Amino acid sequence: MSVSLPQIRPYQLPVAAELPRGRVRWTPDPARAALLVHDMQRYFLAPYAGAPVPEATANIARLADAARERGIPVFYTAQPGRQAAEDRGLLTEFWGDGIGAVIDSDPRAADIVPELAPAESDTVLAKWRYSAFQRSSFAELLGALGRDQLLITGVYAHIGCQATAVEAFMRDVQPFLVADAVADFSRERHDQACEYVAQRCGVVTTTADTLAALSAAPVPAGAAR
């Protein structure tokens, strides 16, 4: 089947004053949080013609650096480059063959972009469905690490990022959607994802506010400095 991702026109990321009001006042805590870098692969970023990907990528890199410095676990999701039909399932009917449709012409299509290359201490999860929790050990890994907050970054805000936020909430993990560290098909879709998360399952925040909250707490013993 043909590739079904749309071409994405440039748009500006929301700023703090534009974020929806939420229903809860959770604050990121470095002793409780994990960071998720969601699907930041060449294939998923190829449809963008510029903004907001460079800005969002820079913000994700800042969050990842801060997380590693403060001993916060960093997780990545990445779809496999060639998925068997039974693994891809119903995704094929909505999105075609995915990365497998272009991997012959771009052998690095499944790669996480180099600006966000995982560190040795990070965990990369194979991504099979919209939610990072599906068909993975993500929930168990978070539980083993004593983490019940999830900072969500990456693409696409109204699909996998939102689905992961909803499932985190249903697993009693507090989700934080970092609005200027995610990207979407359009500003309208981006804003819709922020509104849904703020009203139904989590907190919508900014990179600056997340970094400030993480910096306000003391660095745990043994964390990288």
N, C-alpha and C. Protein backbone atom coordinates (compact mmCIF):
# COMPACT_ATOMS: atom_id res chain seq x y z
N MET A 1 0.84 -1.20 0.00
CA MET A 1 0.00 0.00 0.00
C MET A 1 0.87 1.24 0.00
N SER A 2 0.33 2.34 -0.47
CA SER A 2 1.10 3.58 -0.55
C SER A 2 1.23 4.23 0.81
N VAL A 3 2.22 5.09 0.92
CA VAL A 3 2.43 5.85 2.15
C VAL A 3 1.29 6.84 2.32
N SER A 4 0.78 6.96 3.54
CA SER A 4 -0.42 7.76 3.77
C SER A 4 -0.19 8.98 4.65
N LEU A 5 1.05 9.29 4.97
CA LEU A 5 1.27 10.49 5.78
C LEU A 5 1.06 11.73 4.92
N PRO A 6 0.44 12.78 5.48
CA PRO A 6 0.22 14.00 4.71
C PRO A 6 1.49 14.84 4.65
N GLN A 7 1.54 15.73 3.68
CA GLN A 7 2.57 16.77 3.72
C GLN A 7 2.13 17.81 4.76
N ILE A 8 3.07 18.26 5.56
CA ILE A 8 2.73 19.10 6.70
C ILE A 8 3.29 20.51 6.49
N ARG A 9 2.40 21.47 6.48
CA ARG A 9 2.82 22.86 6.29
C ARG A 9 3.41 23.42 7.58
N PRO A 10 4.37 24.33 7.48
CA PRO A 10 4.96 24.90 8.70
C PRO A 10 3.93 25.61 9.56
N TYR A 11 4.13 25.52 10.85
CA TYR A 11 3.31 26.28 11.79
C TYR A 11 4.13 26.56 13.04
N GLN A 12 3.67 27.48 13.84
CA GLN A 12 4.38 27.87 15.05
C GLN A 12 3.90 27.08 16.25
N LEU A 13 4.83 26.69 17.09
CA LEU A 13 4.48 26.00 18.32
C LEU A 13 3.72 26.93 19.27
N PRO A 14 2.82 26.39 20.07
CA PRO A 14 2.14 27.23 21.05
C PRO A 14 3.09 27.71 22.14
N VAL A 15 2.80 28.87 22.67
CA VAL A 15 3.55 29.41 23.81
C VAL A 15 2.70 29.26 25.06
N ALA A 16 3.30 29.52 26.21
CA ALA A 16 2.63 29.25 27.48
C ALA A 16 1.26 29.93 27.58
N ALA A 17 1.17 31.18 27.11
CA ALA A 17 -0.08 31.92 27.23
C ALA A 17 -1.20 31.33 26.38
N GLU A 18 -0.85 30.47 25.42
CA GLU A 18 -1.85 29.88 24.52
C GLU A 18 -2.30 28.49 24.95
N LEU A 19 -1.73 27.97 26.00
CA LEU A 19 -2.07 26.61 26.41
C LEU A 19 -3.42 26.58 27.12
N PRO A 20 -4.16 25.47 26.98
CA PRO A 20 -5.46 25.37 27.63
C PRO A 20 -5.32 25.26 29.15
N ARG A 21 -6.31 25.76 29.85
CA ARG A 21 -6.34 25.60 31.30
C ARG A 21 -6.65 24.15 31.62
N GLY A 22 -5.98 23.63 32.63
CA GLY A 22 -6.15 22.24 32.98
C GLY A 22 -7.06 22.04 34.18
N ARG A 23 -7.23 20.79 34.54
CA ARG A 23 -8.09 20.41 35.65
C ARG A 23 -7.31 19.99 36.89
N VAL A 24 -6.01 19.74 36.72
CA VAL A 24 -5.18 19.32 37.84
C VAL A 24 -3.93 20.19 37.89
N ARG A 25 -3.27 20.16 39.03
CA ARG A 25 -2.07 20.99 39.22
C ARG A 25 -0.84 20.14 39.53
N TRP A 26 -0.72 19.04 38.83
CA TRP A 26 0.45 18.20 39.03
C TRP A 26 1.72 18.94 38.60
N THR A 27 2.82 18.62 39.26
CA THR A 27 4.12 19.22 38.96
C THR A 27 5.14 18.11 38.72
N PRO A 28 5.94 18.20 37.66
CA PRO A 28 6.96 17.17 37.44
C PRO A 28 7.93 17.08 38.60
N ASP A 29 8.23 15.86 39.00
CA ASP A 29 9.12 15.59 40.11
C ASP A 29 10.22 14.66 39.60
N PRO A 30 11.50 15.05 39.68
CA PRO A 30 12.56 14.20 39.14
C PRO A 30 12.67 12.84 39.80
N ALA A 31 12.12 12.70 41.00
CA ALA A 31 12.15 11.41 41.68
C ALA A 31 11.02 10.48 41.20
N ARG A 32 10.05 11.05 40.47
CA ARG A 32 8.89 10.27 40.02
C ARG A 32 8.78 10.18 38.51
N ALA A 33 9.45 11.06 37.79
CA ALA A 33 9.21 11.22 36.35
C ALA A 33 10.10 10.33 35.50
N ALA A 34 9.58 10.02 34.32
CA ALA A 34 10.36 9.46 33.21
C ALA A 34 10.05 10.32 31.99
N LEU A 35 10.99 10.37 31.06
CA LEU A 35 10.82 11.14 29.83
C LEU A 35 10.61 10.17 28.67
N LEU A 36 9.63 10.46 27.82
CA LEU A 36 9.39 9.67 26.62
C LEU A 36 9.64 10.52 25.39
N VAL A 37 10.52 10.04 24.51
CA VAL A 37 10.76 10.64 23.20
C VAL A 37 10.04 9.74 22.19
N HIS A 38 8.94 10.22 21.68
CA HIS A 38 7.99 9.38 20.96
C HIS A 38 8.18 9.49 19.44
N ASP A 39 8.63 8.40 18.81
CA ASP A 39 8.63 8.24 17.35
C ASP A 39 9.38 9.33 16.58
N MET A 40 10.46 9.82 17.14
CA MET A 40 11.23 10.86 16.44
C MET A 40 12.18 10.21 15.43
N GLN A 41 11.58 9.57 14.44
CA GLN A 41 12.30 8.84 13.39
C GLN A 41 12.25 9.62 12.09
N ARG A 42 13.22 9.36 11.23
CA ARG A 42 13.30 10.08 9.96
C ARG A 42 12.01 9.97 9.15
N TYR A 43 11.41 8.80 9.15
CA TYR A 43 10.19 8.59 8.38
C TYR A 43 9.07 9.52 8.83
N PHE A 44 8.88 9.65 10.13
CA PHE A 44 7.77 10.45 10.64
C PHE A 44 8.03 11.95 10.54
N LEU A 45 9.28 12.34 10.43
CA LEU A 45 9.60 13.76 10.31
C LEU A 45 9.73 14.20 8.85
N ALA A 46 9.81 13.25 7.93
CA ALA A 46 9.98 13.60 6.51
C ALA A 46 8.88 14.49 5.95
N PRO A 47 7.61 14.38 6.40
CA PRO A 47 6.57 15.22 5.80
C PRO A 47 6.67 16.70 6.15
N TYR A 48 7.50 17.06 7.13
CA TYR A 48 7.56 18.47 7.55
C TYR A 48 8.44 19.28 6.61
N ALA A 49 8.00 20.51 6.37
CA ALA A 49 8.75 21.42 5.51
C ALA A 49 9.50 22.47 6.32
N GLY A 50 9.65 22.24 7.60
CA GLY A 50 10.34 23.20 8.46
C GLY A 50 9.69 23.21 9.83
N ALA A 51 9.36 24.40 10.32
CA ALA A 51 8.74 24.52 11.64
C ALA A 51 7.48 23.65 11.71
N PRO A 52 7.25 23.02 12.87
CA PRO A 52 7.92 23.25 14.15
C PRO A 52 8.98 22.21 14.51
N VAL A 53 9.42 21.39 13.56
CA VAL A 53 10.31 20.28 13.91
C VAL A 53 11.65 20.75 14.49
N PRO A 54 12.36 21.72 13.89
CA PRO A 54 13.63 22.11 14.50
C PRO A 54 13.47 22.63 15.93
N GLU A 55 12.42 23.40 16.16
CA GLU A 55 12.20 23.95 17.50
C GLU A 55 11.82 22.85 18.49
N ALA A 56 10.91 21.98 18.08
CA ALA A 56 10.51 20.88 18.97
C ALA A 56 11.68 19.95 19.26
N THR A 57 12.48 19.66 18.24
CA THR A 57 13.64 18.78 18.42
C THR A 57 14.63 19.39 19.41
N ALA A 58 14.88 20.67 19.29
CA ALA A 58 15.79 21.34 20.22
C ALA A 58 15.26 21.28 21.64
N ASN A 59 13.95 21.45 21.80
CA ASN A 59 13.38 21.38 23.14
C ASN A 59 13.44 19.97 23.71
N ILE A 60 13.21 18.96 22.87
CA ILE A 60 13.34 17.58 23.34
C ILE A 60 14.77 17.30 23.78
N ALA A 61 15.74 17.79 23.02
CA ALA A 61 17.14 17.57 23.38
C ALA A 61 17.46 18.21 24.73
N ARG A 62 16.93 19.40 24.98
CA ARG A 62 17.14 20.06 26.27
C ARG A 62 16.55 19.24 27.40
N LEU A 63 15.35 18.71 27.19
CA LEU A 63 14.71 17.89 28.22
C LEU A 63 15.47 16.60 28.45
N ALA A 64 15.95 15.98 27.37
CA ALA A 64 16.70 14.73 27.52
C ALA A 64 18.01 14.96 28.28
N ASP A 65 18.69 16.04 27.96
CA ASP A 65 19.93 16.35 28.67
C ASP A 65 19.67 16.57 30.16
N ALA A 66 18.61 17.33 30.46
CA ALA A 66 18.28 17.60 31.86
C ALA A 66 17.87 16.32 32.58
N ALA A 67 17.12 15.47 31.87
CA ALA A 67 16.69 14.22 32.49
C ALA A 67 17.89 13.35 32.86
N ARG A 68 18.80 13.18 31.92
CA ARG A 68 19.98 12.34 32.21
C ARG A 68 20.80 12.93 33.35
N GLU A 69 20.92 14.23 33.37
CA GLU A 69 21.70 14.89 34.43
C GLU A 69 21.09 14.65 35.80
N ARG A 70 19.78 14.53 35.84
CA ARG A 70 19.09 14.41 37.12
C ARG A 70 18.64 12.98 37.43
N GLY A 71 19.14 12.02 36.66
CA GLY A 71 18.83 10.63 36.95
C GLY A 71 17.42 10.22 36.58
N ILE A 72 16.80 10.95 35.67
CA ILE A 72 15.45 10.62 35.21
C ILE A 72 15.56 9.66 34.03
N PRO A 73 14.87 8.53 34.08
CA PRO A 73 14.96 7.58 32.96
C PRO A 73 14.44 8.19 31.66
N VAL A 74 15.12 7.91 30.57
CA VAL A 74 14.72 8.39 29.25
C VAL A 74 14.36 7.19 28.39
N PHE A 75 13.15 7.22 27.85
CA PHE A 75 12.66 6.15 26.98
C PHE A 75 12.40 6.71 25.59
N TYR A 76 12.61 5.88 24.60
CA TYR A 76 12.30 6.21 23.21
C TYR A 76 11.33 5.16 22.68
N THR A 77 10.45 5.57 21.76
CA THR A 77 9.75 4.59 20.95
C THR A 77 10.24 4.72 19.51
N ALA A 78 10.27 3.58 18.81
CA ALA A 78 10.69 3.57 17.41
C ALA A 78 10.01 2.40 16.72
N GLN A 79 9.26 2.70 15.65
CA GLN A 79 8.65 1.62 14.89
C GLN A 79 9.72 0.85 14.12
N PRO A 80 9.62 -0.48 14.08
CA PRO A 80 10.56 -1.26 13.27
C PRO A 80 10.43 -0.91 11.79
N GLY A 81 11.53 -1.05 11.08
CA GLY A 81 11.55 -0.67 9.68
C GLY A 81 10.75 -1.56 8.76
N ARG A 82 10.74 -2.83 9.04
CA ARG A 82 9.96 -3.76 8.22
C ARG A 82 9.08 -4.58 9.15
N GLN A 83 7.80 -4.30 9.13
CA GLN A 83 6.88 -5.00 10.00
C GLN A 83 6.11 -6.06 9.21
N ALA A 84 6.02 -7.25 9.78
CA ALA A 84 5.17 -8.28 9.17
C ALA A 84 3.72 -7.82 9.22
N ALA A 85 2.92 -8.29 8.28
CA ALA A 85 1.52 -7.87 8.19
C ALA A 85 0.78 -8.14 9.48
N GLU A 86 1.07 -9.27 10.12
CA GLU A 86 0.37 -9.60 11.36
C GLU A 86 0.80 -8.69 12.51
N ASP A 87 2.02 -8.18 12.46
CA ASP A 87 2.45 -7.22 13.48
C ASP A 87 1.84 -5.85 13.24
N ARG A 88 1.76 -5.45 11.99
CA ARG A 88 1.24 -4.12 11.68
C ARG A 88 -0.28 -4.05 11.88
N GLY A 89 -0.97 -5.13 11.60
CA GLY A 89 -2.40 -5.20 11.88
C GLY A 89 -3.20 -4.12 11.19
N LEU A 90 -4.12 -3.50 11.92
CA LEU A 90 -5.04 -2.51 11.35
C LEU A 90 -4.36 -1.19 10.99
N LEU A 91 -3.15 -0.98 11.45
CA LEU A 91 -2.43 0.24 11.05
C LEU A 91 -2.33 0.34 9.53
N THR A 92 -2.18 -0.80 8.87
CA THR A 92 -2.03 -0.79 7.42
C THR A 92 -3.25 -0.18 6.74
N GLU A 93 -4.44 -0.43 7.27
CA GLU A 93 -5.65 0.09 6.65
C GLU A 93 -5.77 1.60 6.77
N PHE A 94 -5.15 2.17 7.80
CA PHE A 94 -5.18 3.61 7.99
C PHE A 94 -3.98 4.32 7.39
N TRP A 95 -2.79 3.69 7.46
CA TRP A 95 -1.54 4.39 7.15
C TRP A 95 -0.68 3.68 6.12
N GLY A 96 -1.20 2.68 5.48
CA GLY A 96 -0.40 1.98 4.49
C GLY A 96 0.69 1.14 5.13
N ASP A 97 1.76 0.92 4.38
CA ASP A 97 2.84 0.03 4.82
C ASP A 97 3.85 0.72 5.73
N GLY A 98 3.64 1.99 6.02
CA GLY A 98 4.50 2.68 6.98
C GLY A 98 5.95 2.75 6.53
N ILE A 99 6.85 2.59 7.47
CA ILE A 99 8.27 2.72 7.18
C ILE A 99 8.72 1.71 6.12
N GLY A 100 8.08 0.54 6.12
CA GLY A 100 8.46 -0.48 5.15
C GLY A 100 8.27 -0.06 3.71
N ALA A 101 7.37 0.92 3.47
CA ALA A 101 7.10 1.37 2.10
C ALA A 101 8.24 2.19 1.52
N VAL A 102 9.09 2.75 2.36
CA VAL A 102 10.14 3.65 1.86
C VAL A 102 11.54 3.19 2.23
N ILE A 103 11.66 2.10 2.97
CA ILE A 103 12.97 1.76 3.52
C ILE A 103 13.97 1.35 2.44
N ASP A 104 13.49 0.87 1.28
CA ASP A 104 14.42 0.56 0.19
C ASP A 104 15.06 1.82 -0.37
N SER A 105 14.28 2.90 -0.46
CA SER A 105 14.81 4.17 -0.97
C SER A 105 15.52 4.97 0.12
N ASP A 106 15.18 4.72 1.37
CA ASP A 106 15.83 5.41 2.49
C ASP A 106 16.11 4.37 3.58
N PRO A 107 17.26 3.69 3.51
CA PRO A 107 17.56 2.63 4.48
C PRO A 107 17.60 3.12 5.92
N ARG A 108 17.71 4.45 6.11
CA ARG A 108 17.76 5.00 7.47
C ARG A 108 16.42 5.57 7.91
N ALA A 109 15.35 5.23 7.18
CA ALA A 109 14.04 5.81 7.49
C ALA A 109 13.59 5.51 8.91
N ALA A 110 13.97 4.36 9.45
CA ALA A 110 13.55 3.99 10.81
C ALA A 110 14.43 4.59 11.89
N ASP A 111 15.52 5.26 11.50
CA ASP A 111 16.46 5.79 12.49
C ASP A 111 15.85 6.95 13.27
N ILE A 112 16.14 6.99 14.55
CA ILE A 112 15.87 8.19 15.34
C ILE A 112 16.82 9.28 14.85
N VAL A 113 16.32 10.50 14.72
CA VAL A 113 17.14 11.57 14.16
C VAL A 113 18.39 11.78 15.01
N PRO A 114 19.52 12.09 14.38
CA PRO A 114 20.79 12.13 15.12
C PRO A 114 20.82 13.15 16.24
N GLU A 115 20.05 14.24 16.11
CA GLU A 115 20.03 15.25 17.17
C GLU A 115 19.50 14.68 18.48
N LEU A 116 18.77 13.58 18.39
CA LEU A 116 18.16 12.98 19.58
C LEU A 116 18.65 11.55 19.79
N ALA A 117 19.82 11.24 19.32
CA ALA A 117 20.34 9.87 19.43
C ALA A 117 20.30 9.40 20.88
N PRO A 118 19.76 8.21 21.13
CA PRO A 118 19.71 7.69 22.51
C PRO A 118 21.10 7.50 23.10
N ALA A 119 21.21 7.77 24.37
CA ALA A 119 22.43 7.49 25.12
C ALA A 119 22.42 6.03 25.55
N GLU A 120 23.58 5.54 25.99
CA GLU A 120 23.66 4.14 26.43
C GLU A 120 22.72 3.85 27.59
N SER A 121 22.47 4.84 28.41
CA SER A 121 21.61 4.64 29.57
C SER A 121 20.13 4.67 29.24
N ASP A 122 19.78 5.06 28.02
CA ASP A 122 18.37 5.18 27.64
C ASP A 122 17.81 3.83 27.18
N THR A 123 16.49 3.75 27.14
CA THR A 123 15.80 2.53 26.71
C THR A 123 14.98 2.82 25.46
N VAL A 124 15.18 2.01 24.41
CA VAL A 124 14.41 2.15 23.17
C VAL A 124 13.41 1.01 23.10
N LEU A 125 12.14 1.37 23.00
CA LEU A 125 11.04 0.41 22.92
C LEU A 125 10.58 0.26 21.48
N ALA A 126 10.38 -0.97 21.04
CA ALA A 126 9.77 -1.19 19.73
C ALA A 126 8.32 -0.72 19.79
N LYS A 127 7.90 0.03 18.78
CA LYS A 127 6.56 0.65 18.77
C LYS A 127 5.66 -0.10 17.81
N TRP A 128 4.53 -0.60 18.33
CA TRP A 128 3.64 -1.42 17.51
C TRP A 128 2.28 -0.79 17.28
N ARG A 129 1.83 0.05 18.20
CA ARG A 129 0.51 0.66 18.10
C ARG A 129 0.62 2.13 18.53
N TYR A 130 -0.48 2.86 18.49
CA TYR A 130 -0.43 4.27 18.84
C TYR A 130 0.18 4.50 20.22
N SER A 131 -0.30 3.76 21.21
CA SER A 131 0.20 3.94 22.57
C SER A 131 1.52 3.21 22.77
N ALA A 132 2.45 3.88 23.44
CA ALA A 132 3.75 3.26 23.74
C ALA A 132 3.62 2.09 24.69
N PHE A 133 2.48 1.97 25.38
CA PHE A 133 2.29 0.89 26.33
C PHE A 133 1.87 -0.42 25.68
N GLN A 134 1.37 -0.35 24.45
CA GLN A 134 0.82 -1.54 23.82
C GLN A 134 1.93 -2.47 23.30
N ARG A 135 1.80 -3.75 23.61
CA ARG A 135 2.75 -4.78 23.18
C ARG A 135 4.19 -4.44 23.56
N SER A 136 4.37 -3.81 24.70
CA SER A 136 5.71 -3.48 25.16
C SER A 136 5.79 -3.69 26.67
N SER A 137 6.98 -3.59 27.20
CA SER A 137 7.20 -3.73 28.64
C SER A 137 7.25 -2.38 29.35
N PHE A 138 6.74 -1.34 28.68
CA PHE A 138 6.87 0.02 29.20
C PHE A 138 6.29 0.15 30.60
N ALA A 139 5.07 -0.32 30.81
CA ALA A 139 4.44 -0.18 32.13
C ALA A 139 5.25 -0.88 33.20
N GLU A 140 5.73 -2.07 32.89
CA GLU A 140 6.51 -2.83 33.87
C GLU A 140 7.84 -2.13 34.18
N LEU A 141 8.47 -1.57 33.16
CA LEU A 141 9.73 -0.86 33.38
C LEU A 141 9.52 0.38 34.25
N LEU A 142 8.46 1.13 33.98
CA LEU A 142 8.16 2.29 34.81
C LEU A 142 7.91 1.87 36.26
N GLY A 143 7.13 0.80 36.43
CA GLY A 143 6.84 0.33 37.77
C GLY A 143 8.09 -0.11 38.52
N ALA A 144 8.98 -0.82 37.81
CA ALA A 144 10.21 -1.30 38.44
C ALA A 144 11.10 -0.15 38.87
N LEU A 145 11.02 0.96 38.14
CA LEU A 145 11.83 2.14 38.46
C LEU A 145 11.14 3.07 39.44
N GLY A 146 9.94 2.74 39.84
CA GLY A 146 9.19 3.57 40.77
C GLY A 146 8.75 4.89 40.17
N ARG A 147 8.44 4.87 38.87
CA ARG A 147 8.08 6.10 38.16
C ARG A 147 6.58 6.14 37.89
N ASP A 148 5.92 7.20 38.36
CA ASP A 148 4.49 7.34 38.12
C ASP A 148 4.13 8.69 37.50
N GLN A 149 5.12 9.29 36.84
CA GLN A 149 4.90 10.48 36.02
C GLN A 149 5.60 10.25 34.68
N LEU A 150 4.97 10.77 33.60
CA LEU A 150 5.55 10.58 32.27
C LEU A 150 5.52 11.90 31.51
N LEU A 151 6.72 12.38 31.14
CA LEU A 151 6.87 13.59 30.32
C LEU A 151 6.87 13.15 28.87
N ILE A 152 5.89 13.60 28.10
CA ILE A 152 5.69 13.10 26.74
C ILE A 152 6.12 14.13 25.71
N THR A 153 7.00 13.72 24.81
CA THR A 153 7.48 14.57 23.73
C THR A 153 7.45 13.76 22.43
N GLY A 154 7.57 14.45 21.29
CA GLY A 154 7.71 13.74 20.01
C GLY A 154 6.55 13.98 19.05
N VAL A 155 6.32 13.02 18.17
CA VAL A 155 5.27 13.10 17.16
C VAL A 155 4.46 11.79 17.18
N TYR A 156 3.22 11.87 16.72
CA TYR A 156 2.42 13.07 16.43
C TYR A 156 1.54 13.34 17.64
N ALA A 157 1.33 14.61 17.95
CA ALA A 157 0.66 14.96 19.21
C ALA A 157 -0.72 14.35 19.34
N HIS A 158 -1.54 14.41 18.27
CA HIS A 158 -2.93 13.95 18.40
C HIS A 158 -3.10 12.46 18.14
N ILE A 159 -2.01 11.76 17.85
CA ILE A 159 -2.12 10.32 17.61
C ILE A 159 -1.39 9.58 18.74
N GLY A 160 -0.14 9.22 18.53
CA GLY A 160 0.56 8.42 19.51
C GLY A 160 0.81 9.11 20.83
N CYS A 161 1.13 10.40 20.79
CA CYS A 161 1.39 11.11 22.05
C CYS A 161 0.13 11.17 22.91
N GLN A 162 -0.99 11.51 22.27
CA GLN A 162 -2.26 11.57 23.02
C GLN A 162 -2.67 10.20 23.51
N ALA A 163 -2.56 9.18 22.64
CA ALA A 163 -2.94 7.83 23.05
C ALA A 163 -2.10 7.35 24.23
N THR A 164 -0.82 7.66 24.21
CA THR A 164 0.06 7.27 25.31
C THR A 164 -0.31 8.01 26.58
N ALA A 165 -0.67 9.29 26.47
CA ALA A 165 -1.09 10.06 27.64
C ALA A 165 -2.35 9.46 28.25
N VAL A 166 -3.31 9.09 27.42
CA VAL A 166 -4.56 8.50 27.91
C VAL A 166 -4.28 7.19 28.62
N GLU A 167 -3.44 6.34 28.02
CA GLU A 167 -3.17 5.06 28.66
C GLU A 167 -2.35 5.22 29.93
N ALA A 168 -1.43 6.18 29.95
CA ALA A 168 -0.70 6.45 31.19
C ALA A 168 -1.68 6.79 32.31
N PHE A 169 -2.61 7.69 32.01
CA PHE A 169 -3.62 8.08 32.99
C PHE A 169 -4.40 6.87 33.49
N MET A 170 -4.78 5.98 32.59
CA MET A 170 -5.56 4.81 32.97
C MET A 170 -4.74 3.80 33.76
N ARG A 171 -3.42 3.96 33.73
CA ARG A 171 -2.53 3.12 34.53
C ARG A 171 -2.03 3.86 35.78
N ASP A 172 -2.66 4.97 36.11
CA ASP A 172 -2.30 5.78 37.28
C ASP A 172 -0.88 6.34 37.20
N VAL A 173 -0.46 6.63 35.97
CA VAL A 173 0.79 7.36 35.73
C VAL A 173 0.39 8.76 35.25
N GLN A 174 0.86 9.79 35.93
CA GLN A 174 0.49 11.16 35.59
C GLN A 174 1.18 11.59 34.30
N PRO A 175 0.42 11.89 33.23
CA PRO A 175 1.06 12.32 31.99
C PRO A 175 1.20 13.84 31.92
N PHE A 176 2.33 14.27 31.37
CA PHE A 176 2.60 15.67 31.09
C PHE A 176 2.92 15.78 29.60
N LEU A 177 2.05 16.43 28.85
CA LEU A 177 2.31 16.66 27.43
C LEU A 177 3.06 17.98 27.30
N VAL A 178 4.30 17.93 26.82
CA VAL A 178 5.12 19.13 26.72
C VAL A 178 4.81 19.78 25.36
N ALA A 179 4.00 20.82 25.38
CA ALA A 179 3.36 21.34 24.17
C ALA A 179 4.33 21.87 23.13
N ASP A 180 5.47 22.39 23.55
CA ASP A 180 6.45 22.89 22.58
C ASP A 180 7.58 21.90 22.33
N ALA A 181 7.35 20.65 22.74
CA ALA A 181 8.29 19.56 22.46
C ALA A 181 7.57 18.41 21.76
N VAL A 182 6.39 18.70 21.20
CA VAL A 182 5.67 17.77 20.34
C VAL A 182 5.35 18.49 19.04
N ALA A 183 5.03 17.72 18.00
CA ALA A 183 4.63 18.29 16.72
C ALA A 183 3.49 17.46 16.16
N ASP A 184 2.76 18.04 15.19
CA ASP A 184 1.56 17.37 14.69
C ASP A 184 1.35 17.69 13.22
N PHE A 185 0.21 17.24 12.66
CA PHE A 185 -0.09 17.47 11.26
C PHE A 185 -0.37 18.94 10.97
N SER A 186 -0.83 19.68 11.98
CA SER A 186 -1.17 21.08 11.82
C SER A 186 -1.28 21.71 13.20
N ARG A 187 -1.31 23.03 13.24
CA ARG A 187 -1.50 23.70 14.53
C ARG A 187 -2.88 23.35 15.10
N GLU A 188 -3.87 23.18 14.24
CA GLU A 188 -5.20 22.82 14.72
C GLU A 188 -5.17 21.48 15.43
N ARG A 189 -4.54 20.47 14.80
CA ARG A 189 -4.43 19.16 15.45
C ARG A 189 -3.61 19.24 16.73
N HIS A 190 -2.55 20.00 16.70
CA HIS A 190 -1.68 20.20 17.86
C HIS A 190 -2.50 20.75 19.03
N ASP A 191 -3.28 21.80 18.75
CA ASP A 191 -4.09 22.41 19.80
C ASP A 191 -5.17 21.46 20.30
N GLN A 192 -5.74 20.66 19.41
CA GLN A 192 -6.75 19.69 19.82
C GLN A 192 -6.18 18.69 20.80
N ALA A 193 -4.96 18.22 20.53
CA ALA A 193 -4.32 17.27 21.43
C ALA A 193 -4.07 17.90 22.80
N CYS A 194 -3.60 19.13 22.79
CA CYS A 194 -3.36 19.83 24.06
C CYS A 194 -4.65 19.99 24.85
N GLU A 195 -5.72 20.37 24.18
CA GLU A 195 -7.01 20.56 24.85
C GLU A 195 -7.51 19.24 25.44
N TYR A 196 -7.41 18.17 24.67
CA TYR A 196 -7.89 16.88 25.17
C TYR A 196 -7.11 16.45 26.41
N VAL A 197 -5.79 16.50 26.33
CA VAL A 197 -4.99 16.06 27.48
C VAL A 197 -5.28 16.91 28.70
N ALA A 198 -5.36 18.23 28.52
CA ALA A 198 -5.59 19.13 29.65
C ALA A 198 -6.94 18.88 30.32
N GLN A 199 -7.93 18.50 29.53
CA GLN A 199 -9.27 18.33 30.07
C GLN A 199 -9.60 16.91 30.48
N ARG A 200 -8.85 15.92 30.00
CA ARG A 200 -9.27 14.54 30.21
C ARG A 200 -8.27 13.63 30.90
N CYS A 201 -6.98 13.98 30.87
CA CYS A 201 -6.07 12.96 31.42
C CYS A 201 -4.75 13.47 31.97
N GLY A 202 -4.40 14.73 31.81
CA GLY A 202 -3.06 15.12 32.25
C GLY A 202 -2.84 16.61 32.33
N VAL A 203 -1.58 16.98 32.28
CA VAL A 203 -1.14 18.37 32.33
C VAL A 203 -0.47 18.72 31.02
N VAL A 204 -0.78 19.89 30.50
CA VAL A 204 -0.10 20.41 29.32
C VAL A 204 0.83 21.52 29.79
N THR A 205 2.09 21.41 29.42
CA THR A 205 3.09 22.32 29.95
C THR A 205 4.07 22.72 28.85
N THR A 206 5.09 23.46 29.21
CA THR A 206 6.12 23.88 28.27
C THR A 206 7.47 23.32 28.68
N THR A 207 8.40 23.39 27.75
CA THR A 207 9.78 22.96 28.07
C THR A 207 10.35 23.79 29.21
N ALA A 208 10.18 25.10 29.15
CA ALA A 208 10.74 25.97 30.18
C ALA A 208 10.17 25.65 31.55
N ASP A 209 8.86 25.47 31.64
CA ASP A 209 8.25 25.17 32.93
C ASP A 209 8.66 23.79 33.43
N THR A 210 8.81 22.84 32.52
CA THR A 210 9.25 21.50 32.93
C THR A 210 10.67 21.54 33.46
N LEU A 211 11.55 22.23 32.76
CA LEU A 211 12.93 22.35 33.21
C LEU A 211 13.02 23.05 34.55
N ALA A 212 12.20 24.09 34.73
CA ALA A 212 12.20 24.81 36.00
C ALA A 212 11.76 23.91 37.15
N ALA A 213 10.73 23.10 36.91
CA ALA A 213 10.26 22.20 37.96
C ALA A 213 11.31 21.16 38.30
N LEU A 214 11.96 20.61 37.27
CA LEU A 214 12.98 19.60 37.52
C LEU A 214 14.19 20.18 38.23
N SER A 215 14.52 21.43 37.90
CA SER A 215 15.68 22.08 38.51
C SER A 215 15.44 22.48 39.94
N ALA A 216 14.18 22.65 40.31
CA ALA A 216 13.86 23.10 41.66
C ALA A 216 14.12 22.03 42.70
N ALA A 217 14.16 20.78 42.27
CA ALA A 217 14.39 19.68 43.20
C ALA A 217 15.88 19.35 43.25
N PRO A 218 16.37 18.87 44.38
CA PRO A 218 17.79 18.50 44.45
C PRO A 218 18.11 17.33 43.54
N VAL A 219 19.34 17.33 43.01
CA VAL A 219 19.79 16.22 42.17
C VAL A 219 19.94 14.97 43.02
N PRO A 220 19.28 13.87 42.62
CA PRO A 220 19.37 12.63 43.43
C PRO A 220 20.81 12.14 43.51
N ALA A 221 21.14 11.49 44.62
CA ALA A 221 22.48 10.92 44.78
C ALA A 221 22.73 9.89 43.70
N GLY A 222 23.91 9.94 43.09
CA GLY A 222 24.27 9.01 42.06
C GLY A 222 23.89 9.42 40.67
N ALA A 223 23.10 10.52 40.51
CA ALA A 223 22.74 10.98 39.18
C ALA A 223 23.94 11.59 38.50
N ALA A 224 23.91 11.56 37.15
CA ALA A 224 24.99 12.19 36.40
C ALA A 224 25.01 13.69 36.65
N ARG A 225 26.19 14.26 36.63
CA ARG A 225 26.31 15.70 36.88
C ARG A 225 27.10 16.35 35.75
